Amino acid sequence: MSATARVYLCGMLRSFSFPCSLHHWLAGCLLLTAGFLTAQSDSTVIHRELSGTISATHNGISIIPSFSLDKPALIINLKMGGSRFTFEPDLRMALEGKPWSMLFWGRYQAVRGRRFSLRLGAHPAINFRTVMAQVGGEFREVIETRRYLASEIVPNFRVSPHLSVGMYYLHGRGLDEGIKVSNFVQLNAARTGIPLFRELQLDLFPQFYYLRTDDLDGTYVAGAWRIRKPNFPVAISGLVNRSLRTEIAPERKWIWNIVVEYHIAAGRWTVPNRQPLDGFKPSNG
């Protein structure tokens, strides 16, 4: 990273007035990582990738399975970046056209071992909801937005090529009215590639998690599944969530959905690894 970039970044970090916390620290690490990756000099090219998934479902379920839209939804997940640092927008909306949520993930693969991996992530988010408000002397439906910041820590251990176990920790901070602090801790496993028939395969993802929002908490179990055919872009998946004990609204025992997924094939390209300005060396020609 060039001297000019370092001075700029240090000044930017000093300008923030909020107290330091886990998700702020992770966001700072991701920013520093992004700056470092753009200034790598051990390769003449940088590899980039763009991929994604478009999903449609009769019931949109959040990244925390106990929360759902209770309406048909369209979900767009994109992923772009290199092998370590990626930018991953997560855009969700009701099929009637109303926005649901927008998350803008920055993720960093901190450890990429043969068996153990560790991912760090952070995002700003906007959540939308429809409320009644008085406009021009009469009550109308309006869309209210709420802003959030969140960070994640995701360790994973691969037992075999088709079996892994891991944990997912998500810490969130609300900047507007509503939930102010949330902590989501999930233990999970993945059993993939179970043969069915005609080249179809089944993936299973059992989960157990604890959720705390402000002063309320709850424990839950969930199970996700996917039926797919290798090298075919369309898959069918679903999720079933059951509360074991909860104080968090909505206090429903069961939430479930079925999803049709279309996977966008990864596009890969390379770009020159440009050196920082203070390391520039003119050519002889």
Foldseek 3Di string as FASTA:
>chain_A
DDPVVVVVLVVVVVPDDDDDDDQVVLVNVLVVVVVVVLADDPDFKFKKKKKWKKKWWQWAADPPRVDIPNGIKIWIWMWMDGPFWIWIWIWMCHPVPGGAKIWIKIKGFPDDDPFKTKMKIKTKMKGWDWDWDQDPNRTDIDIDIWIKIKMKIKMKGHPDPFKIWIKIWMWMATPDPDFGTKIKIKTKMKGWFCDDPPQKIKIKMKMWMKMDTDPWIFIKIKMKMKIDHPPAFKIKIKMWIATPDTPDPPNDGIDMMIMIMGIGDMDMDMDGSDHDPVPDDDDPD
